[in-house]
N, C-alpha and C. Protein backbone atom coordinates (compact mmCIF):
# COMPACT_ATOMS: atom_id res chain seq x y z
N MET A 1 116.90 155.36 147.55
CA MET A 1 117.18 154.58 145.93
C MET A 1 117.68 155.60 144.96
N LYS A 2 119.48 154.75 145.82
CA LYS A 2 120.97 155.82 144.90
C LYS A 2 120.69 155.20 143.35
N VAL A 3 120.22 155.89 142.16
CA VAL A 3 120.59 155.77 140.81
C VAL A 3 121.76 155.54 140.24
N ILE A 4 122.30 154.30 140.07
CA ILE A 4 123.87 154.21 139.31
C ILE A 4 123.73 154.96 138.02
N HIS A 5 122.57 154.73 136.74
CA HIS A 5 122.17 154.50 135.64
C HIS A 5 120.83 154.51 135.34
N ASP A 6 120.65 154.92 134.02
CA ASP A 6 119.66 155.17 133.66
C ASP A 6 118.52 154.03 133.05
N ASP A 7 119.28 152.94 132.73
CA ASP A 7 118.32 151.69 132.32
C ASP A 7 118.80 150.15 133.45
N PRO A 8 118.13 149.54 133.50
CA PRO A 8 117.37 150.32 134.37
C PRO A 8 117.61 150.68 135.98
N PRO A 9 116.80 151.35 136.44
CA PRO A 9 116.83 152.10 138.19
C PRO A 9 117.29 150.83 138.68
N MET A 10 118.47 150.66 139.56
CA MET A 10 118.84 149.49 140.46
C MET A 10 119.15 150.46 141.84
N ARG A 11 119.16 149.71 142.88
CA ARG A 11 119.59 149.49 144.05
C ARG A 11 121.22 149.33 144.03
N GLU A 12 121.95 149.89 145.04
CA GLU A 12 123.46 149.51 144.97
C GLU A 12 123.55 148.28 145.48
N GLU A 13 122.63 147.20 146.05
CA GLU A 13 123.22 146.02 146.41
C GLU A 13 122.82 145.30 144.88
N ILE A 14 122.12 145.84 143.74
CA ILE A 14 121.36 145.36 142.69
C ILE A 14 122.57 145.18 141.89
N ALA A 15 123.64 146.02 141.73
CA ALA A 15 124.33 147.01 140.90
C ALA A 15 125.35 146.03 141.14
N ALA A 16 125.55 145.34 142.29
CA ALA A 16 127.23 144.82 142.71
C ALA A 16 126.61 143.04 142.17
N GLY A 17 125.94 143.13 141.41
CA GLY A 17 125.81 141.49 140.57
C GLY A 17 124.42 140.79 140.25
N PHE A 18 123.78 141.28 141.13
CA PHE A 18 122.39 140.95 141.14
C PHE A 18 121.18 141.19 140.42
N TYR A 19 120.77 140.82 139.32
CA TYR A 19 119.59 141.24 138.81
C TYR A 19 118.57 140.52 138.49
N PRO A 20 117.22 140.75 139.17
CA PRO A 20 116.38 139.78 139.36
C PRO A 20 115.43 139.23 138.01
N ALA A 21 114.97 140.50 137.88
CA ALA A 21 114.80 139.80 135.88
C ALA A 21 115.32 139.01 134.74
N PHE A 22 116.80 139.21 135.06
CA PHE A 22 117.78 138.76 134.36
C PHE A 22 117.70 136.83 134.82
N GLU A 23 117.78 136.95 136.16
CA GLU A 23 117.97 135.35 137.04
C GLU A 23 116.51 135.08 136.66
N ASP A 24 115.17 135.40 136.35
CA ASP A 24 114.42 134.89 136.40
C ASP A 24 113.94 134.06 134.94
N ARG A 25 114.56 135.20 133.99
CA ARG A 25 114.16 134.81 132.62
C ARG A 25 115.50 133.84 132.36
N TRP A 26 116.32 133.42 132.88
CA TRP A 26 117.67 132.75 132.75
C TRP A 26 117.16 131.36 133.19
N ARG A 27 116.72 131.64 134.38
CA ARG A 27 115.56 130.33 134.53
C ARG A 27 115.26 129.69 134.01
N ARG A 28 114.06 130.24 133.93
CA ARG A 28 112.59 130.02 132.25
C ARG A 28 113.56 129.36 131.44
N ALA A 29 114.67 129.68 131.02
CA ALA A 29 115.01 129.32 129.85
C ALA A 29 115.61 128.17 130.52
N GLU A 30 116.12 127.87 131.48
CA GLU A 30 117.42 126.93 131.47
C GLU A 30 116.07 125.61 131.32
N LEU A 31 114.81 125.99 132.39
CA LEU A 31 113.76 124.76 132.45
C LEU A 31 113.01 124.24 131.34
N ALA A 32 113.42 125.53 130.13
CA ALA A 32 112.67 125.12 128.85
C ALA A 32 113.65 124.26 128.21
N GLY A 33 115.15 124.33 128.42
CA GLY A 33 115.84 123.24 127.80
C GLY A 33 116.29 122.56 128.72
N ARG A 34 115.83 121.92 129.98
CA ARG A 34 115.56 120.95 130.41
C ARG A 34 114.63 119.58 129.84
N TRP A 35 113.04 120.63 129.70
CA TRP A 35 112.10 119.86 129.42
C TRP A 35 112.37 119.73 128.07
N LEU A 36 112.93 120.28 127.47
CA LEU A 36 113.06 120.15 125.53
C LEU A 36 113.79 118.56 125.34
N MET A 37 115.18 118.56 126.57
CA MET A 37 116.38 117.62 126.53
C MET A 37 115.85 116.26 126.61
N LEU A 38 114.61 116.42 127.52
CA LEU A 38 113.72 115.33 128.34
C LEU A 38 113.02 114.78 127.45
N ALA A 39 112.12 115.40 126.61
CA ALA A 39 110.68 114.86 125.90
C ALA A 39 111.86 114.71 124.50
N PHE A 40 113.02 114.77 123.55
CA PHE A 40 113.95 113.98 123.13
C PHE A 40 114.79 112.88 123.62
N VAL A 41 114.82 112.76 124.65
CA VAL A 41 115.53 111.50 125.08
C VAL A 41 113.94 110.43 125.35
N LEU A 42 112.73 110.74 125.78
CA LEU A 42 111.86 109.71 125.93
C LEU A 42 111.85 109.43 124.49
N VAL A 43 111.58 110.64 123.04
CA VAL A 43 110.88 110.13 122.17
C VAL A 43 112.10 109.04 121.78
N CYS A 44 113.29 109.47 121.89
CA CYS A 44 114.21 108.42 120.93
C CYS A 44 114.35 107.00 122.07
N ALA A 45 114.30 107.21 122.99
CA ALA A 45 114.19 106.05 124.06
C ALA A 45 112.89 104.90 123.60
N LEU A 46 111.67 105.70 123.25
CA LEU A 46 110.30 104.79 122.78
C LEU A 46 110.92 104.64 121.59
N GLY A 47 111.70 105.08 120.57
CA GLY A 47 111.95 104.01 119.54
C GLY A 47 110.92 105.20 117.99
N LEU A 48 110.43 106.42 118.43
CA LEU A 48 110.06 107.05 117.36
C LEU A 48 110.84 108.18 116.42
N LEU A 49 112.72 107.76 117.28
CA LEU A 49 113.17 108.09 116.00
C LEU A 49 114.35 107.17 115.49
N GLY A 50 113.95 106.12 115.71
CA GLY A 50 114.76 104.87 115.28
C GLY A 50 114.58 104.12 116.12
N ARG A 51 115.68 103.02 116.19
CA ARG A 51 115.06 101.83 117.33
C ARG A 51 114.96 101.47 118.69
N GLY A 52 113.55 100.92 118.68
CA GLY A 52 113.27 101.02 120.35
C GLY A 52 111.98 100.39 120.18
N PRO A 53 110.87 100.50 121.73
CA PRO A 53 109.88 99.39 121.27
C PRO A 53 108.80 99.96 120.72
N LEU A 54 108.70 101.11 120.09
CA LEU A 54 107.60 101.49 119.51
C LEU A 54 108.32 102.23 117.88
N SER A 55 109.10 101.54 117.67
CA SER A 55 109.97 101.76 116.22
C SER A 55 109.58 100.58 114.98
N GLU A 56 108.59 99.57 115.07
CA GLU A 56 108.56 98.89 114.11
C GLU A 56 106.72 98.83 113.90
N HIS A 57 106.51 99.01 112.92
CA HIS A 57 105.30 99.09 112.46
C HIS A 57 104.57 97.91 111.54
N THR A 58 103.60 97.47 111.88
CA THR A 58 103.04 96.26 111.16
C THR A 58 101.94 97.07 110.22
N ARG A 59 101.81 96.74 108.79
CA ARG A 59 100.52 97.22 108.42
C ARG A 59 100.27 95.59 106.99
N ALA A 60 99.05 95.71 106.67
CA ALA A 60 98.90 94.61 106.32
C ALA A 60 97.16 95.10 105.08
N ASN A 61 97.51 94.52 103.82
CA ASN A 61 97.05 94.73 102.68
C ASN A 61 95.44 94.59 103.04
N GLY A 62 94.41 95.04 102.18
CA GLY A 62 93.04 94.28 102.66
C GLY A 62 92.51 92.87 102.51
N ASP A 63 93.10 92.23 101.82
CA ASP A 63 92.48 90.80 102.16
C ASP A 63 93.50 90.00 102.62
N GLY A 64 94.63 90.44 102.92
CA GLY A 64 95.79 89.80 103.99
C GLY A 64 96.56 88.78 103.40
N SER A 65 96.35 89.23 102.07
CA SER A 65 97.72 88.55 101.75
C SER A 65 99.27 88.85 101.55
N ILE A 66 99.19 89.89 102.57
CA ILE A 66 100.59 90.41 102.54
C ILE A 66 100.77 91.06 103.88
N VAL A 67 101.42 90.63 105.27
CA VAL A 67 101.37 91.58 106.14
C VAL A 67 103.30 92.05 106.20
N ILE A 68 103.04 93.50 106.70
CA ILE A 68 104.83 93.92 106.63
C ILE A 68 104.78 94.24 108.15
N HIS A 69 106.10 94.02 108.18
CA HIS A 69 106.43 94.37 109.62
C HIS A 69 108.16 95.27 109.42
N TYR A 70 107.97 96.82 109.57
CA TYR A 70 109.26 97.85 109.16
C TYR A 70 109.63 98.82 110.26
N GLU A 71 110.53 99.53 110.01
CA GLU A 71 111.00 100.70 110.82
C GLU A 71 110.46 101.95 110.15
N PRO A 72 109.36 102.82 109.98
CA PRO A 72 108.92 104.08 109.60
C PRO A 72 110.32 104.76 109.41
N VAL A 73 110.47 105.01 110.35
CA VAL A 73 111.71 105.76 110.99
C VAL A 73 113.04 105.29 110.61
N ALA A 74 114.08 105.11 109.71
CA ALA A 74 115.29 104.85 109.73
C ALA A 74 116.59 105.63 109.77
N ARG A 75 117.49 105.25 109.99
CA ARG A 75 118.94 106.27 109.89
C ARG A 75 119.39 105.82 108.66
N PHE A 76 119.89 107.13 108.24
CA PHE A 76 120.86 106.90 106.51
C PHE A 76 122.04 106.20 107.02
N GLY A 77 121.97 104.74 105.98
CA GLY A 77 123.60 103.90 106.04
C GLY A 77 123.65 102.80 107.33
N ALA A 78 122.55 103.21 108.17
CA ALA A 78 122.49 102.17 109.63
C ALA A 78 121.24 100.94 108.87
N PRO A 79 121.82 99.86 109.51
CA PRO A 79 121.16 98.16 108.86
C PRO A 79 119.19 98.25 109.23
N THR A 80 118.70 97.94 108.40
CA THR A 80 117.31 97.64 108.54
C THR A 80 116.43 96.72 108.23
N ILE A 81 115.83 96.14 108.32
CA ILE A 81 114.93 94.84 107.83
C ILE A 81 113.49 95.47 107.90
N VAL A 82 113.11 94.97 106.44
CA VAL A 82 111.88 94.62 106.27
C VAL A 82 111.06 93.56 106.02
N ARG A 83 110.04 92.89 106.59
CA ARG A 83 109.94 91.58 106.97
C ARG A 83 108.73 91.39 106.74
N LEU A 84 108.21 90.54 105.50
CA LEU A 84 107.02 90.44 104.44
C LEU A 84 106.50 89.08 104.80
N ASP A 85 105.02 88.97 105.63
CA ASP A 85 104.80 87.82 106.02
C ASP A 85 103.89 87.57 104.86
N THR A 86 103.41 86.49 103.84
CA THR A 86 102.82 86.21 102.68
C THR A 86 102.36 85.15 103.16
N ARG A 87 100.99 85.00 102.14
CA ARG A 87 99.96 83.97 102.06
C ARG A 87 100.67 82.97 100.81
N VAL A 88 100.65 81.66 101.06
CA VAL A 88 100.98 81.26 99.60
C VAL A 88 99.72 80.58 98.85
N PRO A 89 99.30 80.87 97.96
CA PRO A 89 98.18 80.29 97.44
C PRO A 89 98.11 79.14 97.54
N PRO A 90 96.63 78.36 97.98
CA PRO A 90 96.23 77.00 97.72
C PRO A 90 96.86 76.30 97.22
N GLY A 91 97.54 75.14 97.74
CA GLY A 91 98.50 73.74 96.30
C GLY A 91 100.17 74.53 95.89
N GLY A 92 100.11 76.08 96.63
CA GLY A 92 100.91 76.21 95.78
C GLY A 92 102.38 76.02 95.99
N ASP A 93 103.37 76.13 95.10
CA ASP A 93 104.85 75.62 96.11
C ASP A 93 105.78 76.99 95.76
N LYS A 94 105.13 77.78 95.39
CA LYS A 94 106.33 79.15 95.30
C LYS A 94 105.26 80.51 95.46
N VAL A 95 105.52 81.19 95.88
CA VAL A 95 105.51 82.80 95.92
C VAL A 95 105.76 83.48 94.99
N ALA A 96 105.12 84.44 94.50
CA ALA A 96 105.33 85.53 93.81
C ALA A 96 105.10 87.00 94.41
N VAL A 97 106.41 87.28 94.71
CA VAL A 97 106.36 89.08 95.27
C VAL A 97 106.82 90.29 94.29
N THR A 98 105.45 90.91 94.08
CA THR A 98 106.30 92.27 93.23
C THR A 98 106.68 93.21 94.11
N ILE A 99 107.54 93.85 93.90
CA ILE A 99 108.12 95.34 94.86
C ILE A 99 108.49 96.27 94.19
N ALA A 100 107.93 97.29 94.27
CA ALA A 100 108.53 98.53 94.44
C ALA A 100 110.30 98.79 93.93
N LYS A 101 111.18 99.13 92.76
CA LYS A 101 112.18 98.94 92.50
C LYS A 101 112.76 99.88 93.33
N GLU A 102 111.97 100.88 93.91
CA GLU A 102 113.18 101.56 94.90
C GLU A 102 113.75 101.00 96.21
N LEU A 103 112.72 99.35 96.65
CA LEU A 103 113.09 99.09 97.79
C LEU A 103 114.28 98.61 97.40
N VAL A 104 115.03 97.95 96.44
CA VAL A 104 116.47 97.54 95.89
C VAL A 104 117.91 98.74 95.66
N ASP A 105 116.89 99.96 95.00
CA ASP A 105 117.58 100.79 94.80
C ASP A 105 118.59 101.87 95.39
N LEU A 106 116.87 102.26 96.47
CA LEU A 106 117.42 103.06 97.41
C LEU A 106 117.84 102.72 99.02
N PHE A 107 117.29 101.00 99.26
CA PHE A 107 117.89 100.86 100.41
C PHE A 107 119.26 99.54 100.38
N GLY A 108 120.13 99.89 99.09
CA GLY A 108 121.31 99.09 98.97
C GLY A 108 121.51 97.93 99.54
N LEU A 109 120.34 97.55 98.90
CA LEU A 109 119.45 95.70 99.09
C LEU A 109 120.68 94.44 99.14
N GLU A 110 121.05 94.41 100.47
CA GLU A 110 122.00 93.79 101.00
C GLU A 110 121.94 92.18 100.93
N SER A 111 120.40 91.72 101.53
CA SER A 111 120.24 90.41 101.55
C SER A 111 119.09 90.44 101.50
N ILE A 112 118.80 89.17 100.49
CA ILE A 112 116.70 88.37 100.61
C ILE A 112 116.97 87.53 101.42
N THR A 113 115.92 86.72 102.42
CA THR A 113 116.21 85.63 103.15
C THR A 113 114.69 85.29 102.46
N PRO A 114 114.43 84.17 102.41
CA PRO A 114 115.42 83.10 101.36
C PRO A 114 115.60 83.71 100.00
N ARG A 115 116.69 83.21 99.51
CA ARG A 115 117.00 83.40 97.98
C ARG A 115 115.89 83.52 97.24
N PRO A 116 115.99 84.63 96.37
CA PRO A 116 114.96 84.37 95.29
C PRO A 116 115.11 83.45 94.50
N GLU A 117 114.20 82.67 93.36
CA GLU A 117 114.43 81.57 92.57
C GLU A 117 114.71 82.76 91.60
N THR A 118 113.34 83.23 91.12
CA THR A 118 113.68 84.16 89.78
C THR A 118 113.63 85.14 89.99
N TRP A 119 114.63 86.73 89.35
CA TRP A 119 113.90 88.28 89.13
C TRP A 119 113.42 88.28 88.25
N GLN A 120 112.70 89.30 88.31
CA GLN A 120 112.04 90.19 86.57
C GLN A 120 111.95 91.48 86.76
N VAL A 121 112.33 92.49 86.24
CA VAL A 121 112.35 93.60 86.41
C VAL A 121 111.12 94.41 85.50
N ALA A 122 110.19 94.87 85.59
CA ALA A 122 109.06 95.22 84.43
C ALA A 122 108.98 96.52 85.25
N GLY A 123 109.48 97.56 84.01
CA GLY A 123 109.06 98.82 84.69
C GLY A 123 109.83 99.20 86.21
N SER A 124 108.63 99.87 87.12
CA SER A 124 109.34 100.26 88.14
C SER A 124 109.09 99.56 89.43
N ASN A 125 109.02 98.22 89.10
CA ASN A 125 108.63 96.82 89.72
C ASN A 125 109.21 96.23 89.50
N ILE A 126 110.04 95.37 90.40
CA ILE A 126 110.92 93.69 90.54
C ILE A 126 109.49 92.93 91.17
N ARG A 127 109.57 91.87 90.68
CA ARG A 127 109.00 90.30 90.81
C ARG A 127 110.37 89.47 91.06
N LEU A 128 109.70 89.13 91.79
CA LEU A 128 110.74 88.02 93.31
C LEU A 128 109.95 87.06 93.15
N VAL A 129 110.06 85.56 92.77
CA VAL A 129 109.47 84.30 92.94
C VAL A 129 110.39 83.28 94.21
N PHE A 130 109.99 83.09 95.18
CA PHE A 130 110.56 82.16 96.06
C PHE A 130 109.83 80.77 96.01
N PRO A 131 110.99 79.86 96.55
CA PRO A 131 110.24 78.54 96.82
C PRO A 131 109.74 78.44 97.96
N VAL A 132 108.96 77.31 98.01
CA VAL A 132 107.74 77.37 99.22
C VAL A 132 107.95 75.52 99.53
N ILE A 133 107.53 75.27 100.90
CA ILE A 133 107.61 74.14 101.21
C ILE A 133 106.40 73.69 100.59
N PRO A 134 105.91 72.70 100.17
CA PRO A 134 105.15 72.24 99.96
C PRO A 134 103.69 71.81 100.89
N GLY A 135 103.06 72.72 101.48
CA GLY A 135 101.78 72.30 102.13
C GLY A 135 101.87 73.42 103.14
N GLU A 136 103.09 74.28 103.01
CA GLU A 136 103.24 75.66 104.04
C GLU A 136 102.09 76.69 103.76
N THR A 137 101.56 77.32 104.04
CA THR A 137 100.79 78.15 103.82
C THR A 137 101.31 79.72 104.20
N HIS A 138 102.49 79.88 105.16
CA HIS A 138 102.82 81.38 104.86
C HIS A 138 103.91 81.06 104.61
N ALA A 139 104.60 82.31 104.48
CA ALA A 139 106.04 82.49 103.83
C ALA A 139 106.63 83.76 104.65
N VAL A 140 107.95 84.06 105.04
CA VAL A 140 108.16 84.59 105.76
C VAL A 140 109.28 85.14 104.44
N ILE A 141 109.61 86.36 104.53
CA ILE A 141 110.14 86.93 103.53
C ILE A 141 111.19 88.45 103.74
N ARG A 142 112.73 88.56 103.93
CA ARG A 142 113.50 89.57 105.14
C ARG A 142 114.14 90.04 103.82
N PHE A 143 114.04 91.89 103.85
CA PHE A 143 114.77 92.10 102.75
C PHE A 143 115.80 93.09 104.16
N THR A 144 116.66 92.76 103.86
CA THR A 144 117.63 93.99 104.14
C THR A 144 118.43 94.47 103.68
N GLY A 145 118.62 95.85 104.11
CA GLY A 145 119.68 96.92 103.42
C GLY A 145 119.92 97.97 104.51
N SER A 146 120.33 99.07 103.74
CA SER A 146 121.06 100.45 104.72
C SER A 146 120.30 101.30 103.93
N PRO A 147 119.40 102.48 104.12
CA PRO A 147 118.72 103.31 103.46
C PRO A 147 120.38 104.63 102.44
N SER A 148 120.12 104.54 101.61
CA SER A 148 121.03 105.64 100.98
C SER A 148 120.33 106.77 100.51
N PHE A 149 119.07 107.01 101.23
CA PHE A 149 118.57 108.07 100.81
C PHE A 149 118.55 108.96 102.33
N LEU A 150 118.21 110.34 102.10
CA LEU A 150 117.17 111.40 103.12
C LEU A 150 116.46 111.69 102.35
N GLY A 151 115.20 111.97 103.25
CA GLY A 151 113.85 111.93 103.49
C GLY A 151 113.18 110.92 103.36
N GLY A 152 112.06 111.02 102.77
CA GLY A 152 111.02 109.42 102.39
C GLY A 152 110.65 109.19 101.23
N VAL A 153 110.35 107.89 101.03
CA VAL A 153 109.98 107.33 99.99
C VAL A 153 109.05 106.54 100.14
N ALA A 154 108.43 106.30 99.19
CA ALA A 154 107.32 105.28 99.10
C ALA A 154 107.01 104.25 98.84
N LEU A 155 106.87 103.01 99.01
CA LEU A 155 107.15 101.99 98.38
C LEU A 155 105.95 100.78 98.29
N THR A 156 106.18 99.88 97.96
CA THR A 156 104.75 98.91 97.91
C THR A 156 105.23 97.75 97.53
N ALA A 157 104.43 96.41 97.66
CA ALA A 157 104.73 95.07 97.52
C ALA A 157 103.44 94.66 97.07
N ARG A 158 103.59 93.40 96.62
CA ARG A 158 102.01 92.88 96.29
C ARG A 158 102.61 91.29 95.67
N LEU A 159 101.09 90.13 96.13
CA LEU A 159 101.53 89.40 95.34
C LEU A 159 100.75 89.10 94.39
N ASP A 160 100.94 87.98 93.40
CA ASP A 160 100.12 87.95 91.92
C ASP A 160 98.71 87.86 92.33
N GLU A 161 98.27 87.19 93.20
CA GLU A 161 96.78 87.27 93.34
C GLU A 161 96.63 87.82 94.39
N GLY A 162 97.18 89.07 94.93
CA GLY A 162 96.81 90.43 96.36
C GLY A 162 96.59 91.19 95.71
N GLU A 163 95.91 92.29 96.73
CA GLU A 163 96.05 93.45 96.87
C GLU A 163 97.52 93.99 96.60
N THR A 164 97.39 95.09 96.65
CA THR A 164 98.78 96.03 96.73
C THR A 164 99.14 96.88 97.83
N LEU A 165 100.06 96.57 98.87
CA LEU A 165 100.22 97.11 99.80
C LEU A 165 101.42 98.01 99.80
N SER A 166 100.83 99.42 100.42
CA SER A 166 101.83 100.72 100.31
C SER A 166 102.21 100.96 102.05
N TRP A 167 103.57 101.42 101.82
CA TRP A 167 104.18 101.73 103.17
C TRP A 167 104.85 103.04 102.95
N SER A 168 105.36 103.83 103.47
CA SER A 168 106.03 104.52 103.74
C SER A 168 107.20 104.86 104.32
N GLN A 169 108.64 105.16 104.34
CA GLN A 169 110.54 104.74 105.05
C GLN A 169 110.47 106.23 104.72
N PHE A 170 110.82 106.62 106.45
CA PHE A 170 111.69 108.48 106.47
C PHE A 170 113.39 108.00 106.76
N ALA A 171 114.05 108.22 105.98
CA ALA A 171 115.73 108.25 106.45
C ALA A 171 116.30 109.65 107.07
N VAL A 172 116.37 109.07 108.40
CA VAL A 172 117.17 110.81 108.95
C VAL A 172 118.64 110.23 108.92
N PRO A 173 119.67 111.98 109.10
CA PRO A 173 120.56 111.53 109.13
C PRO A 173 121.67 110.84 110.53
């Protein structure tokens, strides 16, 4: 074996451009990069970082008066919907929902369906009263907006006669 230089000792054919230790490390780095890319694509396709089959979460409070459907991870500035399925009080023709003020402030609330009959601001909460067709037992309320924040935010909602439901959403760039 003819040594060309001191670090590392190499045969003449290795000196011509083939370095097995480097090639092995390069191949491992390529495979690791490909696995990371594949994992990222799968996470995105499943909806764990935005829209997809697993992107919508559902939560309910203890007494079942409110069930919420929301995206736990939303993109900054992208439209998102928070849907509340509420129970109408027996014999009632209105549903009063108290939401965290952050839902209006931080989500750039674009629309509420159906349109609330009245709005009342009380500290860090907003109370919305919605008309309901007599005899209905459930009402669906949709809040549509685009997150204008980055990071996480804790939100709450409750009916006048129900327990508070808490959830959090995270906005990414």
